[in-house]
Structure formats: structure tokens, C-alpha cells
Amino acid sequence: MRTSIYKPIPNPKLFKEQLLIWSQQFREVIFMDSNDYPDQHSSFDCVLAVDAFTSIKTDYHSAFEDLKQYQQTTKDWLFGYLSYDLKNDVEDLYSNNFDGLHFPDLFFFQPKKIIFIKRE
């Protein structure tokens, strides 16, 4: 069960900078910011998710099925990414480009902490 706390933030720009500095202590960090883009339908202006409670890392083989099972198990917020090479699981395609980073093809995590910023 997540706990919600609502507080006014007098200086959102400074608070975002402080959040990014604070988040550096965690291995898993997702920071999404609208950069003040005016959108009347958005639910938040900024979100920070940190510190994996659980996670999934996999290559492209059955990645979407693995993600579906992970989502059904956690039933919680998940943050992560899908790589370009997941196309190999969807289509009969293959590429052999240099990968100096060696990131997994799919990575998602269930964060321990989620912080939303929404201007009123």
C-alpha cells in the first residue's frame, strides 16, 4: 500500500533540481518532466520514480510475454524502457549493430518511491 502526501511547493524548478540530486543515491531512477508544456489533459507536470522494489530485465526473446506476466504479478506502477531490438521478437528482423552499452532489451521496475508534481 502506497502512502500519499500532498504539499505545496513554492518553487517547483528548484524542487525538481533538488529531487534530481537526491535521486542520485539510487540505482534505478526514472525522471519525466513536461518542461512546462501546457497540456490541459495531463495528470502531472513531473514524475520521479526511484529505488526498485522488484524489476524485470530480459533480452528480446518473449520479452512482451515476460512483461505481461510481471505486470500481472506486481499490479503496481512500473517504469522502464523498451529497446529498439525488441523488433526482433515482433517481426522477422535482425540487426547486428555495435552495442557498447549492453543494456537489456527490456527493463522495468516497481519503484519504492514515486513523486508527482502537479501545478494547480
PDB file of N, CA and C in Angstrom:
ATOM      1  N   MET A   1       0.850  -1.182   0.000  1.00  0.00           N
ATOM      2  CA  MET A   1       0.000   0.000   0.000  1.00  0.00           C
ATOM      3  C   MET A   1       0.888   1.234   0.000  1.00  0.00           C
ATOM      4  N   ARG A   2       0.637   2.114  -0.915  1.00  0.00           N
ATOM      5  CA  ARG A   2       1.397   3.361  -1.007  1.00  0.00           C
ATOM      6  C   ARG A   2       0.772   4.431  -0.131  1.00  0.00           C
ATOM      7  N   THR A   3       1.609   5.300   0.392  1.00  0.00           N
ATOM      8  CA  THR A   3       1.174   6.429   1.195  1.00  0.00           C
ATOM      9  C   THR A   3       1.245   7.684   0.338  1.00  0.00           C
ATOM     10  N   SER A   4       0.188   8.481   0.359  1.00  0.00           N
ATOM     11  CA  SER A   4       0.169   9.732  -0.403  1.00  0.00           C
ATOM     12  C   SER A   4       0.297  10.906   0.545  1.00  0.00           C
ATOM     13  N   ILE A   5       1.169  11.832   0.180  1.00  0.00           N
ATOM     14  CA  ILE A   5       1.353  13.060   0.946  1.00  0.00           C
ATOM     15  C   ILE A   5       1.271  14.215  -0.044  1.00  0.00           C
ATOM     16  N   TYR A   6       0.462  15.209   0.266  1.00  0.00           N
ATOM     17  CA  TYR A   6       0.286  16.363  -0.604  1.00  0.00           C
ATOM     18  C   TYR A   6       0.842  17.592   0.100  1.00  0.00           C
ATOM     19  N   LYS A   7       1.730  18.320  -0.589  1.00  0.00           N
ATOM     20  CA  LYS A   7       2.343  19.512  -0.012  1.00  0.00           C
ATOM     21  C   LYS A   7       2.464  20.579  -1.088  1.00  0.00           C
ATOM     22  N   PRO A   8       2.254  21.840  -0.717  1.00  0.00           N
ATOM     23  CA  PRO A   8       2.506  22.918  -1.683  1.00  0.00           C
ATOM     24  C   PRO A   8       4.015  23.098  -1.876  1.00  0.00           C
ATOM     25  N   ILE A   9       4.405  23.385  -3.107  1.00  0.00           N
ATOM     26  CA  ILE A   9       5.822  23.589  -3.429  1.00  0.00           C
ATOM     27  C   ILE A   9       5.960  25.010  -3.961  1.00  0.00           C
ATOM     28  N   PRO A  10       6.592  25.888  -3.183  1.00  0.00           N
ATOM     29  CA  PRO A  10       6.678  27.286  -3.608  1.00  0.00           C
ATOM     30  C   PRO A  10       7.555  27.514  -4.837  1.00  0.00           C
ATOM     31  N   ASN A  11       8.593  26.684  -5.032  1.00  0.00           N
ATOM     32  CA  ASN A  11       9.495  26.863  -6.162  1.00  0.00           C
ATOM     33  C   ASN A  11       9.693  25.513  -6.853  1.00  0.00           C
ATOM     34  N   PRO A  12       8.793  25.132  -7.784  1.00  0.00           N
ATOM     35  CA  PRO A  12       8.881  23.815  -8.424  1.00  0.00           C
ATOM     36  C   PRO A  12      10.198  23.580  -9.164  1.00  0.00           C
ATOM     37  N   LYS A  13      10.757  24.601  -9.799  1.00  0.00           N
ATOM     38  CA  LYS A  13      12.005  24.423 -10.534  1.00  0.00           C
ATOM     39  C   LYS A  13      13.146  24.027  -9.587  1.00  0.00           C
ATOM     40  N   LEU A  14      13.277  24.715  -8.488  1.00  0.00           N
ATOM     41  CA  LEU A  14      14.304  24.388  -7.501  1.00  0.00           C
ATOM     42  C   LEU A  14      14.044  23.009  -6.898  1.00  0.00           C
ATOM     43  N   PHE A  15      12.792  22.699  -6.634  1.00  0.00           N
ATOM     44  CA  PHE A  15      12.449  21.395  -6.056  1.00  0.00           C
ATOM     45  C   PHE A  15      12.843  20.256  -7.008  1.00  0.00           C
ATOM     46  N   LYS A  16      12.604  20.431  -8.313  1.00  0.00           N
ATOM     47  CA  LYS A  16      12.999  19.417  -9.291  1.00  0.00           C
ATOM     48  C   LYS A  16      14.515  19.217  -9.296  1.00  0.00           C
ATOM     49  N   GLU A  17      15.257  20.299  -9.230  1.00  0.00           N
ATOM     50  CA  GLU A  17      16.719  20.200  -9.176  1.00  0.00           C
ATOM     51  C   GLU A  17      17.166  19.436  -7.932  1.00  0.00           C
ATOM     52  N   GLN A  18      16.532  19.721  -6.800  1.00  0.00           N
ATOM     53  CA  GLN A  18      16.868  19.033  -5.558  1.00  0.00           C
ATOM     54  C   GLN A  18      16.486  17.556  -5.624  1.00  0.00           C
ATOM     55  N   LEU A  19      15.367  17.251  -6.281  1.00  0.00           N
ATOM     56  CA  LEU A  19      14.959  15.853  -6.451  1.00  0.00           C
ATOM     57  C   LEU A  19      15.986  15.072  -7.264  1.00  0.00           C
ATOM     58  N   LEU A  20      16.484  15.677  -8.333  1.00  0.00           N
ATOM     59  CA  LEU A  20      17.480  15.006  -9.163  1.00  0.00           C
ATOM     60  C   LEU A  20      18.770  14.735  -8.386  1.00  0.00           C
ATOM     61  N   ILE A  21      19.181  15.679  -7.574  1.00  0.00           N
ATOM     62  CA  ILE A  21      20.369  15.470  -6.741  1.00  0.00           C
ATOM     63  C   ILE A  21      20.103  14.348  -5.731  1.00  0.00           C
ATOM     64  N   TRP A  22      18.953  14.369  -5.088  1.00  0.00           N
ATOM     65  CA  TRP A  22      18.583  13.353  -4.098  1.00  0.00           C
ATOM     66  C   TRP A  22      18.496  11.969  -4.734  1.00  0.00           C
ATOM     67  N   SER A  23      18.012  11.903  -5.968  1.00  0.00           N
ATOM     68  CA  SER A  23      17.789  10.615  -6.629  1.00  0.00           C
ATOM     69  C   SER A  23      19.093   9.896  -6.994  1.00  0.00           C
ATOM     70  N   GLN A  24      20.210  10.605  -6.992  1.00  0.00           N
ATOM     71  CA  GLN A  24      21.484  10.002  -7.392  1.00  0.00           C
ATOM     72  C   GLN A  24      21.935   8.879  -6.456  1.00  0.00           C
ATOM     73  N   GLN A  25      21.347   8.779  -5.285  1.00  0.00           N
ATOM     74  CA  GLN A  25      21.727   7.712  -4.355  1.00  0.00           C
ATOM     75  C   GLN A  25      21.130   6.359  -4.738  1.00  0.00           C
ATOM     76  N   PHE A  26      20.197   6.348  -5.691  1.00  0.00           N
ATOM     77  CA  PHE A  26      19.510   5.114  -6.067  1.00  0.00           C
ATOM     78  C   PHE A  26      20.041   4.570  -7.397  1.00  0.00           C
ATOM     79  N   ARG A  27      19.976   3.265  -7.538  1.00  0.00           N
ATOM     80  CA  ARG A  27      20.423   2.621  -8.775  1.00  0.00           C
ATOM     81  C   ARG A  27      19.397   2.801  -9.885  1.00  0.00           C
ATOM     82  N   GLU A  28      18.116   2.672  -9.569  1.00  0.00           N
ATOM     83  CA  GLU A  28      17.044   2.796 -10.563  1.00  0.00           C
ATOM     84  C   GLU A  28      16.377   4.161 -10.390  1.00  0.00           C
ATOM     85  N   VAL A  29      16.387   4.938 -11.458  1.00  0.00           N
ATOM     86  CA  VAL A  29      15.813   6.283 -11.436  1.00  0.00           C
ATOM     87  C   VAL A  29      15.138   6.556 -12.773  1.00  0.00           C
ATOM     88  N   ILE A  30      13.898   7.001 -12.726  1.00  0.00           N
ATOM     89  CA  ILE A  30      13.190   7.495 -13.913  1.00  0.00           C
ATOM     90  C   ILE A  30      12.691   8.894 -13.560  1.00  0.00           C
ATOM     91  N   PHE A  31      13.036   9.865 -14.408  1.00  0.00           N
ATOM     92  CA  PHE A  31      12.594  11.238 -14.206  1.00  0.00           C
ATOM     93  C   PHE A  31      11.936  11.700 -15.497  1.00  0.00           C
ATOM     94  N   MET A  32      10.670  12.022 -15.418  1.00  0.00           N
ATOM     95  CA  MET A  32       9.925  12.515 -16.582  1.00  0.00           C
ATOM     96  C   MET A  32       9.401  13.903 -16.272  1.00  0.00           C
ATOM     97  N   ASP A  33       9.689  14.840 -17.160  1.00  0.00           N
ATOM     98  CA  ASP A  33       9.329  16.230 -16.940  1.00  0.00           C
ATOM     99  C   ASP A  33       8.679  16.782 -18.201  1.00  0.00           C
ATOM    100  N   SER A  34       7.553  17.446 -18.041  1.00  0.00           N
ATOM    101  CA  SER A  34       6.860  18.033 -19.188  1.00  0.00           C
ATOM    102  C   SER A  34       7.541  19.306 -19.680  1.00  0.00           C
ATOM    103  N   ASN A  35       8.505  19.823 -18.902  1.00  0.00           N
ATOM    104  CA  ASN A  35       9.196  21.070 -19.250  1.00  0.00           C
ATOM    105  C   ASN A  35       8.211  22.213 -19.457  1.00  0.00           C
ATOM    106  N   ASP A  36       7.211  22.253 -18.599  1.00  0.00           N
ATOM    107  CA  ASP A  36       6.196  23.324 -18.590  1.00  0.00           C
ATOM    108  C   ASP A  36       5.367  23.383 -19.874  1.00  0.00           C
ATOM    109  N   TYR A  37       5.279  22.279 -20.597  1.00  0.00           N
ATOM    110  CA  TYR A  37       4.430  22.245 -21.784  1.00  0.00           C
ATOM    111  C   TYR A  37       2.965  22.347 -21.347  1.00  0.00           C
ATOM    112  N   PRO A  38       2.207  23.282 -21.904  1.00  0.00           N
ATOM    113  CA  PRO A  38       0.814  23.454 -21.481  1.00  0.00           C
ATOM    114  C   PRO A  38      -0.094  22.368 -22.077  1.00  0.00           C
ATOM    115  N   ASP A  39      -0.592  21.507 -21.231  1.00  0.00           N
ATOM    116  CA  ASP A  39      -1.484  20.436 -21.673  1.00  0.00           C
ATOM    117  C   ASP A  39      -2.600  20.304 -20.649  1.00  0.00           C
ATOM    118  N   GLN A  40      -3.803  20.649 -21.053  1.00  0.00           N
ATOM    119  CA  GLN A  40      -4.928  20.638 -20.115  1.00  0.00           C
ATOM    120  C   GLN A  40      -5.333  19.234 -19.684  1.00  0.00           C
ATOM    121  N   HIS A  41      -4.874  18.206 -20.390  1.00  0.00           N
ATOM    122  CA  HIS A  41      -5.279  16.843 -20.083  1.00  0.00           C
ATOM    123  C   HIS A  41      -4.219  16.057 -19.298  1.00  0.00           C
ATOM    124  N   SER A  42      -3.097  16.670 -19.000  1.00  0.00           N
ATOM    125  CA  SER A  42      -2.041  15.927 -18.297  1.00  0.00           C
ATOM    126  C   SER A  42      -2.406  15.715 -16.830  1.00  0.00           C
ATOM    127  N   SER A  43      -1.921  14.622 -16.285  1.00  0.00           N
ATOM    128  CA  SER A  43      -2.178  14.290 -14.886  1.00  0.00           C
ATOM    129  C   SER A  43      -1.088  14.816 -13.964  1.00  0.00           C
ATOM    130  N   PHE A  44       0.072  15.136 -14.526  1.00  0.00           N
ATOM    131  CA  PHE A  44       1.171  15.650 -13.724  1.00  0.00           C
ATOM    132  C   PHE A  44       2.108  16.459 -14.602  1.00  0.00           C
ATOM    133  N   ASP A  45       2.917  17.289 -13.969  1.00  0.00           N
ATOM    134  CA  ASP A  45       3.925  18.068 -14.683  1.00  0.00           C
ATOM    135  C   ASP A  45       5.280  17.381 -14.651  1.00  0.00           C
ATOM    136  N   CYS A  46       5.474  16.568 -13.617  1.00  0.00           N
ATOM    137  CA  CYS A  46       6.751  15.894 -13.440  1.00  0.00           C
ATOM    138  C   CYS A  46       6.525  14.654 -12.575  1.00  0.00           C
ATOM    139  N   VAL A  47       7.290  13.598 -12.853  1.00  0.00           N
ATOM    140  CA  VAL A  47       7.230  12.408 -12.001  1.00  0.00           C
ATOM    141  C   VAL A  47       8.643  11.854 -11.851  1.00  0.00           C
ATOM    142  N   LEU A  48       8.943  11.443 -10.632  1.00  0.00           N
ATOM    143  CA  LEU A  48      10.216  10.804 -10.326  1.00  0.00           C
ATOM    144  C   LEU A  48       9.905   9.470  -9.656  1.00  0.00           C
ATOM    145  N   ALA A  49      10.475   8.391 -10.190  1.00  0.00           N
ATOM    146  CA  ALA A  49      10.332   7.055  -9.603  1.00  0.00           C
ATOM    147  C   ALA A  49      11.730   6.547  -9.292  1.00  0.00           C
ATOM    148  N   VAL A  50      11.937   6.062  -8.059  1.00  0.00           N
ATOM    149  CA  VAL A  50      13.270   5.619  -7.648  1.00  0.00           C
ATOM    150  C   VAL A  50      13.203   4.344  -6.826  1.00  0.00           C
ATOM    151  N   ASP A  51      14.340   3.635  -6.814  1.00  0.00           N
ATOM    152  CA  ASP A  51      14.592   2.522  -5.905  1.00  0.00           C
ATOM    153  C   ASP A  51      13.678   1.329  -6.178  1.00  0.00           C
ATOM    154  N   ALA A  52      14.169   0.368  -6.904  1.00  0.00           N
ATOM    155  CA  ALA A  52      13.362  -0.783  -7.307  1.00  0.00           C
ATOM    156  C   ALA A  52      13.017  -1.683  -6.130  1.00  0.00           C
ATOM    157  N   PHE A  53      11.739  -1.914  -5.986  1.00  0.00           N
ATOM    158  CA  PHE A  53      11.256  -2.946  -5.070  1.00  0.00           C
ATOM    159  C   PHE A  53      11.409  -4.304  -5.758  1.00  0.00           C
ATOM    160  N   THR A  54      10.993  -4.351  -7.036  1.00  0.00           N
ATOM    161  CA  THR A  54      11.206  -5.507  -7.908  1.00  0.00           C
ATOM    162  C   THR A  54      11.553  -4.979  -9.291  1.00  0.00           C
ATOM    163  N   SER A  55      12.098  -5.845 -10.150  1.00  0.00           N
ATOM    164  CA  SER A  55      12.406  -5.418 -11.512  1.00  0.00           C
ATOM    165  C   SER A  55      12.420  -6.626 -12.447  1.00  0.00           C
ATOM    166  N   ILE A  56      12.376  -6.305 -13.751  1.00  0.00           N
ATOM    167  CA  ILE A  56      12.496  -7.328 -14.785  1.00  0.00           C
ATOM    168  C   ILE A  56      13.487  -6.818 -15.823  1.00  0.00           C
ATOM    169  N   LYS A  57      14.433  -7.675 -16.187  1.00  0.00           N
ATOM    170  CA  LYS A  57      15.415  -7.391 -17.241  1.00  0.00           C
ATOM    171  C   LYS A  57      15.438  -8.611 -18.143  1.00  0.00           C
ATOM    172  N   THR A  58      15.345  -8.387 -19.447  1.00  0.00           N
ATOM    173  CA  THR A  58      15.342  -9.529 -20.363  1.00  0.00           C
ATOM    174  C   THR A  58      15.827  -9.111 -21.739  1.00  0.00           C
ATOM    175  N   ASP A  59      16.196 -10.104 -22.536  1.00  0.00           N
ATOM    176  CA  ASP A  59      16.500  -9.829 -23.935  1.00  0.00           C
ATOM    177  C   ASP A  59      15.187  -9.896 -24.723  1.00  0.00           C
ATOM    178  N   TYR A  60      15.270  -9.826 -26.053  1.00  0.00           N
ATOM    179  CA  TYR A  60      14.046  -9.704 -26.852  1.00  0.00           C
ATOM    180  C   TYR A  60      13.227 -10.992 -26.943  1.00  0.00           C
ATOM    181  N   HIS A  61      13.790 -12.148 -26.600  1.00  0.00           N
ATOM    182  CA  HIS A  61      13.050 -13.405 -26.699  1.00  0.00           C
ATOM    183  C   HIS A  61      11.905 -13.427 -25.678  1.00  0.00           C
ATOM    184  N   SER A  62      10.676 -13.429 -26.153  1.00  0.00           N
ATOM    185  CA  SER A  62       9.464 -13.459 -25.316  1.00  0.00           C
ATOM    186  C   SER A  62       9.388 -12.292 -24.335  1.00  0.00           C
ATOM    187  N   ALA A  63       9.989 -11.170 -24.676  1.00  0.00           N
ATOM    188  CA  ALA A  63      10.041 -10.036 -23.763  1.00  0.00           C
ATOM    189  C   ALA A  63       8.653  -9.493 -23.432  1.00  0.00           C
ATOM    190  N   PHE A  64       7.779  -9.404 -24.420  1.00  0.00           N
ATOM    191  CA  PHE A  64       6.452  -8.842 -24.165  1.00  0.00           C
ATOM    192  C   PHE A  64       5.618  -9.763 -23.272  1.00  0.00           C
ATOM    193  N   GLU A  65       5.754 -11.057 -23.453  1.00  0.00           N
ATOM    194  CA  GLU A  65       5.047 -12.006 -22.583  1.00  0.00           C
ATOM    195  C   GLU A  65       5.607 -11.938 -21.169  1.00  0.00           C
ATOM    196  N   ASP A  66       6.919 -11.827 -21.029  1.00  0.00           N
ATOM    197  CA  ASP A  66       7.534 -11.692 -19.709  1.00  0.00           C
ATOM    198  C   ASP A  66       7.059 -10.416 -19.014  1.00  0.00           C
ATOM    199  N   LEU A  67       6.973  -9.324 -19.773  1.00  0.00           N
ATOM    200  CA  LEU A  67       6.496  -8.063 -19.206  1.00  0.00           C
ATOM    201  C   LEU A  67       5.037  -8.169 -18.778  1.00  0.00           C
ATOM    202  N   LYS A  68       4.232  -8.821 -19.580  1.00  0.00           N
ATOM    203  CA  LYS A  68       2.815  -9.003 -19.237  1.00  0.00           C
ATOM    204  C   LYS A  68       2.673  -9.785 -17.934  1.00  0.00           C
ATOM    205  N   GLN A  69       3.427 -10.852 -17.788  1.00  0.00           N
ATOM    206  CA  GLN A  69       3.371 -11.642 -16.552  1.00  0.00           C
ATOM    207  C   GLN A  69       3.859 -10.829 -15.356  1.00  0.00           C
ATOM    208  N   TYR A  70       4.918 -10.044 -15.559  1.00  0.00           N
ATOM    209  CA  TYR A  70       5.450  -9.202 -14.488  1.00  0.00           C
ATOM    210  C   TYR A  70       4.409  -8.175 -14.048  1.00  0.00           C
ATOM    211  N   GLN A  71       3.736  -7.554 -15.010  1.00  0.00           N
ATOM    212  CA  GLN A  71       2.707  -6.558 -14.698  1.00  0.00           C
ATOM    213  C   GLN A  71       1.545  -7.190 -13.949  1.00  0.00           C
ATOM    214  N   GLN A  72       1.141  -8.386 -14.359  1.00  0.00           N
ATOM    215  CA  GLN A  72       0.029  -9.070 -13.683  1.00  0.00           C
ATOM    216  C   GLN A  72       0.404  -9.485 -12.272  1.00  0.00           C
ATOM    217  N   THR A  73       1.679  -9.765 -12.044  1.00  0.00           N
ATOM    218  CA  THR A  73       2.141 -10.156 -10.711  1.00  0.00           C
ATOM    219  C   THR A  73       2.242  -8.952  -9.786  1.00  0.00           C
ATOM    220  N   THR A  74       2.832  -7.856 -10.265  1.00  0.00           N
ATOM    221  CA  THR A  74       3.052  -6.703  -9.399  1.00  0.00           C
ATOM    222  C   THR A  74       1.777  -5.896  -9.168  1.00  0.00           C
ATOM    223  N   LYS A  75       0.974  -5.712 -10.209  1.00  0.00           N
ATOM    224  CA  LYS A  75      -0.245  -4.895 -10.129  1.00  0.00           C
ATOM    225  C   LYS A  75       0.041  -3.547  -9.474  1.00  0.00           C
ATOM    226  N   ASP A  76       1.078  -2.895  -9.977  1.00  0.00           N
ATOM    227  CA  ASP A  76       1.529  -1.636  -9.400  1.00  0.00           C
ATOM    228  C   ASP A  76       2.096  -0.764 -10.519  1.00  0.00           C
ATOM    229  N   TRP A  77       2.533   0.431 -10.170  1.00  0.00           N
ATOM    230  CA  TRP A  77       3.214   1.291 -11.113  1.00  0.00           C
ATOM    231  C   TRP A  77       4.492   0.611 -11.574  1.00  0.00           C
ATOM    232  N   LEU A  78       4.761   0.673 -12.884  1.00  0.00           N
ATOM    233  CA  LEU A  78       6.000   0.152 -13.452  1.00  0.00           C
ATOM    234  C   LEU A  78       6.611   1.233 -14.339  1.00  0.00           C
ATOM    235  N   PHE A  79       7.920   1.390 -14.245  1.00  0.00           N
ATOM    236  CA  PHE A  79       8.647   2.352 -15.053  1.00  0.00           C
ATOM    237  C   PHE A  79       9.809   1.636 -15.714  1.00  0.00           C
ATOM    238  N   GLY A  80      10.127   2.011 -16.942  1.00  0.00           N
ATOM    239  CA  GLY A  80      11.243   1.373 -17.608  1.00  0.00           C
ATOM    240  C   GLY A  80      11.321   1.757 -19.064  1.00  0.00           C
ATOM    241  N   TYR A  81      11.887   0.854 -19.852  1.00  0.00           N
ATOM    242  CA  TYR A  81      12.059   1.148 -21.274  1.00  0.00           C
ATOM    243  C   TYR A  81      11.985  -0.123 -22.111  1.00  0.00           C
ATOM    244  N   LEU A  82      11.696   0.088 -23.396  1.00  0.00           N
ATOM    245  CA  LEU A  82      11.714  -0.954 -24.425  1.00  0.00           C
ATOM    246  C   LEU A  82      12.781  -0.553 -25.428  1.00  0.00           C
ATOM    247  N   SER A  83      13.682  -1.450 -25.771  1.00  0.00           N
ATOM    248  CA  SER A  83      14.746  -1.105 -26.706  1.00  0.00           C
ATOM    249  C   SER A  83      14.318  -1.357 -28.156  1.00  0.00           C
ATOM    250  N   TYR A  84      15.081  -0.799 -29.051  1.00  0.00           N
ATOM    251  CA  TYR A  84      14.840  -0.959 -30.483  1.00  0.00           C
ATOM    252  C   TYR A  84      14.897  -2.425 -30.900  1.00  0.00           C
ATOM    253  N   ASP A  85      15.764  -3.213 -30.281  1.00  0.00           N
ATOM    254  CA  ASP A  85      15.941  -4.614 -30.682  1.00  0.00           C
ATOM    255  C   ASP A  85      14.748  -5.506 -30.342  1.00  0.00           C
ATOM    256  N   LEU A  86      13.750  -4.989 -29.643  1.00  0.00           N
ATOM    257  CA  LEU A  86      12.536  -5.780 -29.417  1.00  0.00           C
ATOM    258  C   LEU A  86      11.801  -6.054 -30.718  1.00  0.00           C
ATOM    259  N   LYS A  87      12.147  -5.331 -31.756  1.00  0.00           N
ATOM    260  CA  LYS A  87      11.549  -5.589 -33.074  1.00  0.00           C
ATOM    261  C   LYS A  87      11.808  -7.026 -33.511  1.00  0.00           C
ATOM    262  N   ASN A  88      12.909  -7.613 -33.030  1.00  0.00           N
ATOM    263  CA  ASN A  88      13.262  -8.982 -33.407  1.00  0.00           C
ATOM    264  C   ASN A  88      12.266 -10.007 -32.871  1.00  0.00           C
ATOM    265  N   ASP A  89      11.528  -9.651 -31.834  1.00  0.00           N
ATOM    266  CA  ASP A  89      10.513 -10.545 -31.286  1.00  0.00           C
ATOM    267  C   ASP A  89       9.167 -10.363 -31.984  1.00  0.00           C
ATOM    268  N   VAL A  90       8.983  -9.206 -32.615  1.00  0.00           N
ATOM    269  CA  VAL A  90       7.700  -8.889 -33.246  1.00  0.00           C
ATOM    270  C   VAL A  90       7.711  -9.219 -34.732  1.00  0.00           C
ATOM    271  N   GLU A  91       8.812  -8.942 -35.380  1.00  0.00           N
ATOM    272  CA  GLU A  91       8.960  -9.164 -36.821  1.00  0.00           C
ATOM    273  C   GLU A  91      10.150 -10.093 -37.074  1.00  0.00           C
ATOM    274  N   ASP A  92      10.195 -10.635 -38.260  1.00  0.00           N
ATOM    275  CA  ASP A  92      11.320 -11.472 -38.647  1.00  0.00           C
ATOM    276  C   ASP A  92      12.447 -10.560 -39.140  1.00  0.00           C
ATOM    277  N   LEU A  93      13.045  -9.831 -38.188  1.00  0.00           N
ATOM    278  CA  LEU A  93      14.106  -8.874 -38.494  1.00  0.00           C
ATOM    279  C   LEU A  93      15.305  -9.168 -37.612  1.00  0.00           C
ATOM    280  N   TYR A  94      16.449  -8.707 -38.044  1.00  0.00           N
ATOM    281  CA  TYR A  94      17.651  -8.894 -37.250  1.00  0.00           C
ATOM    282  C   TYR A  94      18.640  -7.789 -37.616  1.00  0.00           C
ATOM    283  N   SER A  95      19.287  -7.236 -36.620  1.00  0.00           N
ATOM    284  CA  SER A  95      20.347  -6.262 -36.869  1.00  0.00           C
ATOM    285  C   SER A  95      21.539  -6.630 -35.992  1.00  0.00           C
ATOM    286  N   ASN A  96      22.705  -6.297 -36.455  1.00  0.00           N
ATOM    287  CA  ASN A  96      23.919  -6.651 -35.734  1.00  0.00           C
ATOM    288  C   ASN A  96      24.781  -5.403 -35.573  1.00  0.00           C
ATOM    289  N   ASN A  97      24.208  -4.367 -34.961  1.00  0.00           N
ATOM    290  CA  ASN A  97      24.925  -3.116 -34.739  1.00  0.00           C
ATOM    291  C   ASN A  97      25.747  -3.198 -33.462  1.00  0.00           C
ATOM    292  N   PHE A  98      26.809  -2.428 -33.385  1.00  0.00           N
ATOM    293  CA  PHE A  98      27.660  -2.393 -32.211  1.00  0.00           C
ATOM    294  C   PHE A  98      26.858  -1.911 -31.002  1.00  0.00           C
ATOM    295  N   ASP A  99      26.963  -2.620 -29.899  1.00  0.00           N
ATOM    296  CA  ASP A  99      26.275  -2.260 -28.655  1.00  0.00           C
ATOM    297  C   ASP A  99      27.327  -2.092 -27.560  1.00  0.00           C
ATOM    298  N   GLY A 100      27.788  -0.880 -27.390  1.00  0.00           N
ATOM    299  CA  GLY A 100      28.805  -0.620 -26.382  1.00  0.00           C
ATOM    300  C   GLY A 100      28.243  -0.467 -24.986  1.00  0.00           C
ATOM    301  N   LEU A 101      26.931  -0.321 -24.847  1.00  0.00           N
ATOM    302  CA  LEU A 101      26.323  -0.103 -23.538  1.00  0.00           C
ATOM    303  C   LEU A 101      25.845  -1.391 -22.874  1.00  0.00           C
ATOM    304  N   HIS A 102      25.429  -2.356 -23.675  1.00  0.00           N
ATOM    305  CA  HIS A 102      24.971  -3.661 -23.173  1.00  0.00           C
ATOM    306  C   HIS A 102      23.788  -3.542 -22.201  1.00  0.00           C
ATOM    307  N   PHE A 103      22.859  -2.640 -22.504  1.00  0.00           N
ATOM    308  CA  PHE A 103      21.629  -2.560 -21.720  1.00  0.00           C
ATOM    309  C   PHE A 103      20.737  -3.732 -22.086  1.00  0.00           C
ATOM    310  N   PRO A 104      19.884  -4.191 -21.160  1.00  0.00           N
ATOM    311  CA  PRO A 104      18.911  -5.223 -21.530  1.00  0.00           C
ATOM    312  C   PRO A 104      17.941  -4.678 -22.582  1.00  0.00           C
ATOM    313  N   ASP A 105      17.331  -5.563 -23.350  1.00  0.00           N
ATOM    314  CA  ASP A 105      16.366  -5.130 -24.361  1.00  0.00           C
ATOM    315  C   ASP A 105      15.092  -4.579 -23.724  1.00  0.00           C
ATOM    316  N   LEU A 106      14.773  -5.082 -22.568  1.00  0.00           N
ATOM    317  CA  LEU A 106      13.595  -4.622 -21.841  1.00  0.00           C
ATOM    318  C   LEU A 106      13.972  -4.523 -20.372  1.00  0.00           C
ATOM    319  N   PHE A 107      13.640  -3.408 -19.760  1.00  0.00           N
ATOM    320  CA  PHE A 107      13.872  -3.238 -18.327  1.00  0.00           C
ATOM    321  C   PHE A 107      12.733  -2.431 -17.739  1.00  0.00           C
ATOM    322  N   PHE A 108      12.097  -2.952 -16.710  1.00  0.00           N
ATOM    323  CA  PHE A 108      11.066  -2.241 -15.965  1.00  0.00           C
ATOM    324  C   PHE A 108      11.275  -2.510 -14.489  1.00  0.00           C
ATOM    325  N   PHE A 109      10.869  -1.544 -13.666  1.00  0.00           N
ATOM    326  CA  PHE A 109      10.955  -1.748 -12.226  1.00  0.00           C
ATOM    327  C   PHE A 109       9.723  -1.206 -11.520  1.00  0.00           C
ATOM    328  N   GLN A 110       9.469  -1.785 -10.366  1.00  0.00           N
ATOM    329  CA  GLN A 110       8.388  -1.363  -9.475  1.00  0.00           C
ATOM    330  C   GLN A 110       9.054  -0.485  -8.420  1.00  0.00           C
ATOM    331  N   PRO A 111       8.828   0.825  -8.461  1.00  0.00           N
ATOM    332  CA  PRO A 111       9.560   1.712  -7.565  1.00  0.00           C
ATOM    333  C   PRO A 111       9.033   1.683  -6.126  1.00  0.00           C
ATOM    334  N   LYS A 112       9.953   1.906  -5.214  1.00  0.00           N
ATOM    335  CA  LYS A 112       9.571   2.052  -3.809  1.00  0.00           C
ATOM    336  C   LYS A 112       8.994   3.447  -3.567  1.00  0.00           C
ATOM    337  N   LYS A 113       9.500   4.431  -4.298  1.00  0.00           N
ATOM    338  CA  LYS A 113       9.064   5.815  -4.103  1.00  0.00           C
ATOM    339  C   LYS A 113       8.693   6.432  -5.451  1.00  0.00           C
ATOM    340  N   ILE A 114       7.550   7.118  -5.482  1.00  0.00           N
ATOM    341  CA  ILE A 114       7.102   7.852  -6.666  1.00  0.00           C
ATOM    342  C   ILE A 114       6.711   9.250  -6.207  1.00  0.00           C
ATOM    343  N   ILE A 115       7.250  10.242  -6.883  1.00  0.00           N
ATOM    344  CA  ILE A 115       6.939  11.633  -6.539  1.00  0.00           C
ATOM    345  C   ILE A 115       6.346  12.302  -7.776  1.00  0.00           C
ATOM    346  N   PHE A 116       5.144  12.838  -7.617  1.00  0.00           N
ATOM    347  CA  PHE A 116       4.461  13.563  -8.685  1.00  0.00           C
ATOM    348  C   PHE A 116       4.452  15.051  -8.349  1.00  0.00           C
ATOM    349  N   ILE A 117       4.641  15.865  -9.360  1.00  0.00           N
ATOM    350  CA  ILE A 117       4.495  17.310  -9.202  1.00  0.00           C
ATOM    351  C   ILE A 117       3.406  17.753 -10.163  1.00  0.00           C
ATOM    352  N   LYS A 118       2.428  18.462  -9.620  1.00  0.00           N
ATOM    353  CA  LYS A 118       1.314  18.975 -10.435  1.00  0.00           C
ATOM    354  C   LYS A 118       0.994  20.375  -9.974  1.00  0.00           C
ATOM    355  N   ARG A 119       1.101  21.306 -10.892  1.00  0.00           N
ATOM    356  CA  ARG A 119       0.717  22.686 -10.551  1.00  0.00           C
ATOM    357  C   ARG A 119      -0.790  22.804 -10.561  1.00  0.00           C
ATOM    358  N   GLU A 120      -1.265  23.613  -9.698  1.00  0.00           N
ATOM    359  CA  GLU A 120      -2.726  23.821  -9.592  1.00  0.00           C
ATOM    360  C   GLU A 120      -3.183  24.901 -10.528  1.00  0.00           C
TER     361      GLU A 120
END
